């Protein structure tokens, strides 16, 4: 997200939900945890959802909506937004979806006196048009071609660099971006292009990962700080990968991290099941995992992903071995990998077939799903609420870690 006005210069966190997930429990969780629940109503007439949104007790501080471009031209929508107490709207602004982008920008400008309309952009020319000709549009969202759905030709980082270049001579607040860097080259590039926050993610993390472990990556960063201290002036390092509790967060701080990023730990909180954001099976798989239950696939494709070991992952590993040993040609290999992988995360996280929306039983989900997870899954054995997790991170005991440090110091002195 990029703010051109100081009024919107604070970063925030939002989670996207489908219409069927509109409920008071989701809204209350968003309100209690300080995040945004963004309900995607692009596929339906939004005004038909007024009743369920009112029942969910929506508030501007907890709920935002994603609407289609056509919906913004519906004369009934402004009144619908006033009734439901929603003031922030997200809308995809892509040439393939919006034939007349100029008309849509004018419509957004006209609504901006009363509502915050955030266009989601993947085109540098459209970004330039907004910055130069539509100052009333205060916020834009950048969508790189790494994302799913309709995207442009540029990566998120290229879009960010383009925005920074456009606004560097303006008085308004600069763009605040947090960039994930798996190696030194990308971290240097991010800093040189003006990023102030970089997530250094070790390959213990879940999902897409690089080659360094968190410990090795932290040591690389520390060495680089000693060799090039000017590069880090005014910059902050966020360490990720294997951080799941107070003790591992403390270790990250000892390695020089200014902050930490956690992902797998939140897959084991009660809130994520209560709000319908994750299938109970996915959480059960995380809790039942043992140390060593995850594996990295994608070496053969150059897209490394850490997941729990399942039948799907076993099949992917077998295909990769056949490809490396020349038993499978590249075209056939990529076709089979795509067949195995497409929609597999949706199967795991939602328990549904993405192609037709049919509900799958647990056995089928385990067989077809890809349960992305960090290596820390083997150490997480208990469900907590988000509040309990945060309290533990802030106030939990460090007795065992301190004892280990004291023992190590005593050994060194001997």
Protein backbone atom coordinates (compact mmCIF):
# COMPACT_ATOMS: atom_id res chain seq x y z
CA UNK A 1 0.00 0.00 0.00
CA UNK A 2 1.25 3.53 -0.75
CA UNK A 3 0.00 6.69 0.86
CA UNK A 4 0.38 10.09 -0.78
CA UNK A 5 -1.02 11.78 2.32
CA UNK A 6 0.29 11.78 5.88
CA UNK A 7 -3.21 10.84 6.98
CA UNK A 8 -2.57 7.29 5.71
CA UNK A 9 1.08 6.78 6.60
CA UNK A 10 0.59 3.95 9.10
CA UNK A 11 1.06 0.36 7.86
CA UNK A 12 -1.70 -2.13 8.51
CA UNK A 13 -2.60 -5.80 8.12
CA UNK A 14 -5.68 -7.10 6.33
CA UNK A 15 -7.10 -10.54 5.52
CA UNK A 16 -9.32 -11.26 2.51
CA UNK A 17 -12.55 -13.21 3.06
CA UNK A 18 -15.22 -14.53 0.70
CA UNK A 19 -18.88 -13.43 1.03
CA UNK A 20 -19.86 -16.62 2.84
CA UNK A 21 -17.44 -15.74 5.64
CA UNK A 22 -19.19 -12.49 6.58
CA UNK A 23 -20.04 -12.98 10.25
CA UNK A 24 -19.89 -11.23 13.61
CA UNK A 25 -17.11 -13.60 14.75
CA UNK A 26 -14.84 -12.54 11.87
CA UNK A 27 -15.59 -8.86 12.44
CA UNK A 28 -15.08 -9.14 16.20
CA UNK A 29 -11.76 -10.96 15.75
CA UNK A 30 -10.59 -8.25 13.35
CA UNK A 31 -11.64 -5.54 15.79
CA UNK A 32 -10.00 -7.29 18.75
CA UNK A 33 -6.68 -8.00 17.01
CA UNK A 34 -6.40 -4.65 15.24
CA UNK A 35 -6.44 -6.05 11.69
CA UNK A 36 -8.81 -5.47 8.77
CA UNK A 37 -11.32 -8.00 7.50
CA UNK A 38 -11.65 -7.33 3.75
CA UNK A 39 -14.74 -9.02 2.31
CA UNK A 40 -14.46 -9.75 -1.42
CA UNK A 41 -17.85 -8.98 -3.01
CA UNK A 42 -16.57 -8.67 -6.57
CA UNK A 43 -18.52 -11.67 -7.83
CA UNK A 44 -21.94 -10.58 -6.52
CA UNK A 45 -24.21 -7.57 -6.28
CA UNK A 46 -22.81 -5.93 -3.13
CA UNK A 47 -26.12 -4.31 -2.17
CA UNK A 48 -27.57 -7.79 -1.65
CA UNK A 49 -25.11 -8.27 1.22
CA UNK A 50 -26.35 -5.30 3.25
CA UNK A 51 -28.37 -7.44 5.63
CA UNK A 52 -25.62 -9.89 6.51
CA UNK A 53 -23.08 -7.05 6.89
CA UNK A 54 -25.40 -5.23 9.29
CA UNK A 55 -25.91 -8.43 11.28
CA UNK A 56 -22.13 -8.79 11.49
CA UNK A 57 -21.96 -5.33 13.12
CA UNK A 58 -19.42 -3.89 10.66
CA UNK A 59 -17.35 -0.86 11.62
CA UNK A 60 -14.93 1.28 9.56
CA UNK A 61 -12.04 0.32 11.84
CA UNK A 62 -12.48 -3.43 11.30
CA UNK A 63 -14.15 -3.99 7.92
CA UNK A 64 -13.31 -3.01 4.36
CA UNK A 65 -14.79 -4.28 1.08
CA UNK A 66 -13.43 -5.31 -2.30
CA UNK A 67 -15.87 -4.43 -5.09
CA UNK A 68 -15.90 -4.78 -8.84
CA UNK A 69 -15.34 -1.76 -11.08
CA UNK A 70 -18.94 -2.02 -12.30
CA UNK A 71 -20.22 -1.80 -8.73
CA UNK A 72 -18.72 1.68 -8.33
CA UNK A 73 -21.02 2.90 -11.12
CA UNK A 74 -24.10 1.48 -9.39
CA UNK A 75 -26.01 4.49 -7.97
CA UNK A 76 -27.24 2.33 -5.08
CA UNK A 77 -23.74 1.52 -3.82
CA UNK A 78 -22.97 4.81 -1.97
CA UNK A 79 -26.13 4.44 0.11
CA UNK A 80 -25.29 0.75 0.68
CA UNK A 81 -21.87 1.77 2.04
CA UNK A 82 -23.38 4.40 4.33
CA UNK A 83 -25.92 1.91 5.70
CA UNK A 84 -23.28 -0.76 6.38
CA UNK A 85 -20.85 1.75 7.88
CA UNK A 86 -18.05 0.82 5.46
CA UNK A 87 -15.76 3.61 4.30
CA UNK A 88 -12.83 1.84 2.58
CA UNK A 89 -13.19 0.06 -0.77
CA UNK A 90 -10.63 -1.89 -2.83
CA UNK A 91 -11.09 -2.26 -6.60
CA UNK A 92 -9.01 -4.00 -9.27
CA UNK A 93 -7.99 -1.50 -11.96
CA UNK A 94 -6.66 -3.66 -14.77
CA UNK A 95 -7.11 -3.03 -18.50
CA UNK A 96 -8.38 -6.59 -18.99
CA UNK A 97 -11.15 -5.99 -16.44
CA UNK A 98 -11.88 -2.30 -17.03
CA UNK A 99 -12.11 -1.23 -20.70
CA UNK A 100 -12.44 2.46 -19.81
CA UNK A 101 -9.95 3.06 -17.01
CA UNK A 102 -10.30 6.83 -17.40
CA UNK A 103 -13.99 6.72 -16.57
CA UNK A 104 -13.32 4.53 -13.54
CA UNK A 105 -10.64 6.92 -12.25
CA UNK A 106 -13.09 9.81 -12.59
CA UNK A 107 -15.71 7.80 -10.69
CA UNK A 108 -13.20 6.98 -7.93
CA UNK A 109 -12.25 10.66 -7.73
CA UNK A 110 -15.90 11.63 -7.38
CA UNK A 111 -16.45 9.16 -4.53
CA UNK A 112 -13.21 10.06 -2.73
CA UNK A 113 -14.76 12.98 -0.85
CA UNK A 114 -16.79 10.52 1.21
CA UNK A 115 -15.03 7.16 0.86
CA UNK A 116 -11.47 5.84 0.67
CA UNK A 117 -11.27 4.02 -2.68
CA UNK A 118 -8.05 2.04 -3.15
CA UNK A 119 -7.34 1.06 -6.77
CA UNK A 120 -5.25 -2.11 -7.12
CA UNK A 121 -2.72 -1.41 -9.87
CA UNK A 122 -0.32 -3.50 -11.96
CA UNK A 123 0.42 -0.93 -14.66
CA UNK A 124 3.10 1.78 -14.46
CA UNK A 125 1.21 4.13 -16.86
CA UNK A 126 -1.93 3.92 -14.70
CA UNK A 127 0.12 4.59 -11.57
CA UNK A 128 1.65 7.66 -13.23
CA UNK A 129 -1.79 8.87 -14.33
CA UNK A 130 -3.10 8.73 -10.75
CA UNK A 131 -0.06 10.44 -9.22
CA UNK A 132 0.00 13.23 -11.79
CA UNK A 133 -3.70 13.79 -12.48
CA UNK A 134 -5.75 12.47 -9.55
CA UNK A 135 -4.40 13.89 -6.26
CA UNK A 136 -7.74 13.16 -4.59
CA UNK A 137 -6.89 9.42 -4.78
CA UNK A 138 -4.83 9.19 -1.63
CA UNK A 139 -3.86 5.50 -1.59
CA UNK A 140 -2.93 2.96 -4.25
CA UNK A 141 -2.20 -0.76 -3.90
CA UNK A 142 0.58 -2.28 -6.02
CA UNK A 143 0.08 -5.78 -7.45
CA UNK A 144 3.18 -7.45 -8.89
CA UNK A 145 3.14 -10.31 -11.35
CA UNK A 146 4.07 -12.70 -8.53
CA UNK A 147 0.43 -12.52 -7.42
CA UNK A 148 -2.41 -14.70 -8.67
CA UNK A 149 -5.26 -13.48 -10.85
CA UNK A 150 -4.99 -10.60 -13.30
CA UNK A 151 -1.48 -9.13 -13.20
CA UNK A 152 0.76 -6.94 -15.32
CA UNK A 153 4.23 -7.54 -16.70
CA UNK A 154 6.17 -6.06 -13.78
CA UNK A 155 7.18 -7.50 -10.42
CA UNK A 156 6.11 -5.81 -7.19
CA UNK A 157 9.62 -4.48 -6.64
CA UNK A 158 9.76 -2.91 -10.11
CA UNK A 159 6.38 -1.24 -9.49
CA UNK A 160 7.58 0.07 -6.14
CA UNK A 161 10.78 1.43 -7.69
CA UNK A 162 8.71 3.17 -10.37
CA UNK A 163 6.46 4.78 -7.75
CA UNK A 164 9.43 5.93 -5.72
CA UNK A 165 10.94 7.54 -8.81
CA UNK A 166 7.67 9.33 -9.57
CA UNK A 167 7.22 10.82 -6.11
CA UNK A 168 10.81 11.44 -5.01
CA UNK A 169 10.55 15.17 -5.82
CA UNK A 170 7.17 15.61 -4.14
CA UNK A 171 6.52 16.77 -0.60
CA UNK A 172 4.13 13.95 0.23
CA UNK A 173 5.06 10.95 2.36
CA UNK A 174 7.28 8.37 0.64
CA UNK A 175 6.19 4.83 -0.04
CA UNK A 176 6.66 2.41 2.84
CA UNK A 177 7.53 -1.07 1.57
CA UNK A 178 8.66 -4.21 3.37
CA UNK A 179 10.65 -6.40 1.01
CA UNK A 180 11.42 -10.11 1.45
CA UNK A 181 15.05 -10.84 0.53
CA UNK A 182 16.39 -14.42 0.49
CA UNK A 183 19.98 -13.41 -0.37
CA UNK A 184 22.51 -10.58 -0.17
CA UNK A 185 22.08 -9.41 -3.76
CA UNK A 186 18.33 -8.81 -3.39
CA UNK A 187 18.79 -7.18 0.01
CA UNK A 188 21.37 -4.75 -1.41
CA UNK A 189 19.06 -3.98 -4.33
CA UNK A 190 16.15 -3.30 -1.96
CA UNK A 191 18.20 -0.94 0.20
CA UNK A 192 19.73 0.84 -2.78
CA UNK A 193 16.24 1.42 -4.19
CA UNK A 194 15.10 2.99 -0.93
CA UNK A 195 13.43 0.20 1.04
CA UNK A 196 13.73 0.83 4.78
CA UNK A 197 12.53 -2.57 5.97
CA UNK A 198 13.77 -5.92 4.66
CA UNK A 199 12.65 -9.37 5.79
CA UNK A 200 15.63 -11.74 5.76
CA UNK A 201 13.88 -15.09 5.50
CA UNK A 202 15.71 -18.33 6.21
CA UNK A 203 14.66 -21.57 4.58
CA UNK A 204 13.15 -22.90 7.81
CA UNK A 205 10.17 -20.71 6.91
CA UNK A 206 7.07 -22.16 5.30
CA UNK A 207 6.05 -21.54 1.70
CA UNK A 208 8.51 -20.08 -0.81
CA UNK A 209 12.05 -19.95 0.57
CA UNK A 210 15.65 -19.34 -0.47
CA UNK A 211 18.84 -21.34 0.11
CA UNK A 212 20.17 -19.91 3.41
CA UNK A 213 19.13 -21.15 6.84
CA UNK A 214 18.04 -18.38 9.20
CA UNK A 215 21.25 -18.64 11.25
CA UNK A 216 23.47 -18.51 8.16
CA UNK A 217 21.49 -15.64 6.65
CA UNK A 218 21.71 -13.67 9.92
CA UNK A 219 25.48 -14.16 9.97
CA UNK A 220 25.73 -12.96 6.36
CA UNK A 221 23.78 -9.83 7.31
CA UNK A 222 25.95 -9.18 10.38
CA UNK A 223 29.10 -9.53 8.29
CA UNK A 224 27.68 -7.16 5.69
CA UNK A 225 26.86 -4.64 8.43
CA UNK A 226 30.50 -4.65 9.49
CA UNK A 227 31.76 -4.28 5.92
CA UNK A 228 29.18 -1.75 4.70
CA UNK A 229 27.65 0.05 7.70
CA UNK A 230 26.42 2.95 5.56
CA UNK A 231 24.14 0.56 3.67
CA UNK A 232 22.16 -0.09 6.88
CA UNK A 233 21.77 3.50 8.06
CA UNK A 234 18.07 4.16 8.71
CA UNK A 235 17.22 0.59 7.69
CA UNK A 236 15.70 -2.23 9.73
CA UNK A 237 16.22 -6.00 9.47
CA UNK A 238 13.29 -8.34 10.11
CA UNK A 239 14.35 -11.97 10.63
CA UNK A 240 12.04 -14.84 9.63
CA UNK A 241 12.22 -18.63 9.49
CA UNK A 242 11.95 -20.85 12.57
CA UNK A 243 10.70 -18.07 14.86
CA UNK A 244 7.64 -19.33 16.74
CA UNK A 245 7.87 -18.32 20.42
CA UNK A 246 9.57 -15.94 22.85
CA UNK A 247 12.78 -17.94 23.02
CA UNK A 248 13.30 -18.09 19.25
CA UNK A 249 12.36 -14.40 18.96
CA UNK A 250 14.99 -13.64 21.62
CA UNK A 251 17.54 -15.64 19.62
CA UNK A 252 16.66 -13.60 16.53
CA UNK A 253 17.23 -10.40 18.51
CA UNK A 254 20.63 -11.72 19.65
CA UNK A 255 21.46 -12.26 15.96
CA UNK A 256 20.83 -8.57 15.28
CA UNK A 257 17.19 -8.55 14.18
CA UNK A 258 15.21 -5.35 14.73
CA UNK A 259 11.97 -7.33 14.46
CA UNK A 260 10.74 -10.82 13.59
CA UNK A 261 8.15 -12.26 11.21
CA UNK A 262 6.18 -15.36 12.16
CA UNK A 263 3.80 -17.40 10.05
CA UNK A 264 3.52 -21.04 11.13
CA UNK A 265 2.83 -20.07 14.76
CA UNK A 266 -0.39 -18.36 13.66
CA UNK A 267 -1.61 -21.54 11.94
CA UNK A 268 -1.97 -23.01 15.45
CA UNK A 269 -4.10 -20.25 16.99
CA UNK A 270 -7.77 -20.80 17.79
CA UNK A 271 -8.87 -17.58 16.09
CA UNK A 272 -7.87 -18.78 12.63
CA UNK A 273 -10.29 -21.73 12.93
CA UNK A 274 -13.08 -19.78 14.63
CA UNK A 275 -13.15 -17.25 11.77
CA UNK A 276 -13.11 -19.94 9.08
CA UNK A 277 -9.81 -18.71 7.69
CA UNK A 278 -8.20 -22.16 7.84
CA UNK A 279 -9.53 -25.72 7.79
CA UNK A 280 -9.34 -27.61 11.11
CA UNK A 281 -7.43 -30.36 9.26
CA UNK A 282 -4.61 -27.97 8.35
CA UNK A 283 -4.19 -26.97 11.99
CA UNK A 284 -4.32 -30.60 13.10
CA UNK A 285 -1.54 -31.44 10.62
CA UNK A 286 0.61 -28.63 12.06
CA UNK A 287 0.04 -29.78 15.66
CA UNK A 288 0.71 -33.45 14.87
CA UNK A 289 3.90 -32.74 12.93
CA UNK A 290 7.16 -33.99 14.36
CA UNK A 291 10.59 -32.36 13.92
CA UNK A 292 11.69 -33.16 10.38
CA UNK A 293 8.12 -33.47 9.06
CA UNK A 294 8.62 -30.73 6.47
CA UNK A 295 10.56 -30.84 3.21
CA UNK A 296 11.58 -28.39 0.50
CA UNK A 297 10.44 -29.09 -3.05
CA UNK A 298 11.05 -27.10 -6.21
CA UNK A 299 14.81 -27.42 -6.59
CA UNK A 300 14.32 -28.61 -10.18
CA UNK A 301 11.98 -25.73 -11.06
CA UNK A 302 13.85 -22.97 -9.24
CA UNK A 303 10.82 -22.31 -7.03
CA UNK A 304 11.66 -23.76 -3.60
CA UNK A 305 8.71 -24.38 -1.27
CA UNK A 306 8.68 -25.84 2.26
CA UNK A 307 5.63 -27.95 3.12
CA UNK A 308 4.57 -30.81 5.37
CA UNK A 309 5.29 -34.23 3.89
CA UNK A 310 2.14 -35.62 2.25
CA UNK A 311 1.24 -37.84 -0.70
CA UNK A 312 1.20 -34.82 -3.01
CA UNK A 313 4.65 -33.74 -1.83
CA UNK A 314 5.97 -37.31 -2.21
CA UNK A 315 4.67 -37.33 -5.80
CA UNK A 316 6.31 -33.95 -6.52
CA UNK A 317 9.64 -35.18 -5.10
CA UNK A 318 9.44 -38.32 -7.25
CA UNK A 319 8.78 -36.23 -10.37
CA UNK A 320 11.72 -33.96 -9.56
CA UNK A 321 14.03 -36.95 -9.15
CA UNK A 322 12.91 -38.34 -12.51
CA UNK A 323 13.48 -34.97 -14.17
CA UNK A 324 16.96 -34.58 -12.69
CA UNK A 325 17.89 -38.10 -13.76
CA UNK A 326 16.63 -37.37 -17.31
CA UNK A 327 13.76 -39.86 -17.05
CA UNK A 328 11.27 -37.08 -17.71
CA UNK A 329 11.47 -34.39 -20.40
CA UNK A 330 10.93 -30.78 -19.33
CA UNK A 331 7.56 -30.25 -21.02
CA UNK A 332 6.09 -33.40 -19.50
CA UNK A 333 7.67 -32.63 -16.11
CA UNK A 334 6.25 -29.11 -15.92
CA UNK A 335 2.81 -30.29 -17.05
CA UNK A 336 2.68 -32.97 -14.34
CA UNK A 337 3.99 -30.59 -11.67
CA UNK A 338 1.29 -28.07 -12.60
CA UNK A 339 -1.38 -30.78 -12.39
CA UNK A 340 -0.20 -31.80 -8.91
CA UNK A 341 0.31 -28.29 -7.57
CA UNK A 342 -2.55 -26.22 -9.00
CA UNK A 343 -5.13 -25.62 -6.30
CA UNK A 344 -3.35 -27.88 -3.79
CA UNK A 345 -2.97 -25.13 -1.18
CA UNK A 346 -6.67 -24.29 -1.54
CA UNK A 347 -7.49 -27.96 -0.93
CA UNK A 348 -5.38 -27.94 2.24
CA UNK A 349 -6.46 -24.56 3.63
CA UNK A 350 -10.14 -24.58 2.64
CA UNK A 351 -11.00 -28.24 2.13
CA UNK A 352 -12.56 -27.54 -1.25
CA UNK A 353 -11.80 -28.26 -4.88
CA UNK A 354 -10.85 -24.88 -6.35
CA UNK A 355 -12.11 -25.75 -9.85
CA UNK A 356 -15.72 -26.55 -8.91
CA UNK A 357 -16.00 -25.56 -5.23
CA UNK A 358 -16.97 -29.06 -4.09
CA UNK A 359 -16.22 -29.95 -0.45
CA UNK A 360 -13.58 -32.67 0.03
CA UNK A 361 -13.31 -35.08 2.93
CA UNK A 362 -10.16 -35.22 5.10
CA UNK A 363 -8.69 -38.23 3.34
CA UNK A 364 -8.95 -36.52 -0.04
CA UNK A 365 -7.51 -33.28 1.36
CA UNK A 366 -4.49 -35.14 2.76
CA UNK A 367 -4.04 -36.93 -0.55
CA UNK A 368 -4.35 -33.84 -2.78
CA UNK A 369 -3.42 -30.93 -0.50
CA UNK A 370 -0.14 -29.07 -0.10
CA UNK A 371 0.19 -28.00 3.54
CA UNK A 372 2.82 -25.25 3.41
CA UNK A 373 4.51 -24.97 6.80
CA UNK A 374 7.69 -23.85 8.45
CA UNK A 375 10.04 -26.31 10.10
CA UNK A 376 8.83 -24.96 13.45
CA UNK A 377 5.67 -27.05 13.05
CA UNK A 378 7.48 -29.89 14.82
CA UNK A 379 7.76 -27.77 17.98
CA UNK A 380 4.18 -26.44 18.16
CA UNK A 381 1.91 -28.77 20.12
CA UNK A 382 -0.81 -26.62 21.68
CA UNK A 383 -3.59 -24.39 20.36
CA UNK A 384 -3.53 -20.82 21.71
CA UNK A 385 -5.52 -17.70 21.02
CA UNK A 386 -3.82 -14.81 19.25
CA UNK A 387 -3.92 -12.93 22.56
CA UNK A 388 -2.21 -15.81 24.39
CA UNK A 389 0.47 -16.07 21.69
CA UNK A 390 1.18 -12.35 21.85
CA UNK A 391 1.28 -12.36 25.66
CA UNK A 392 3.73 -15.27 25.59
CA UNK A 393 5.93 -13.42 23.09
CA UNK A 394 5.93 -10.32 25.27
CA UNK A 395 6.13 -11.81 28.75
CA UNK A 396 6.94 -15.53 28.54
CA UNK A 397 9.82 -16.99 30.56
CA UNK A 398 13.32 -17.33 29.12
CA UNK A 399 14.57 -19.58 31.91
CA UNK A 400 15.70 -22.50 29.74
CA UNK A 401 17.45 -20.26 27.22
CA UNK A 402 19.24 -18.24 29.92
CA UNK A 403 20.38 -21.47 31.60
CA UNK A 404 21.81 -22.72 28.29
CA UNK A 405 23.65 -19.42 27.80
CA UNK A 406 25.08 -19.57 31.33
CA UNK A 407 26.25 -23.15 30.77
CA UNK A 408 27.88 -22.18 27.47
CA UNK A 409 29.66 -19.23 29.10
CA UNK A 410 30.91 -21.42 31.92
CA UNK A 411 32.27 -23.93 29.41
CA UNK A 412 34.08 -21.19 27.47
CA UNK A 413 35.67 -19.88 30.68
CA UNK A 414 36.99 -23.33 31.46
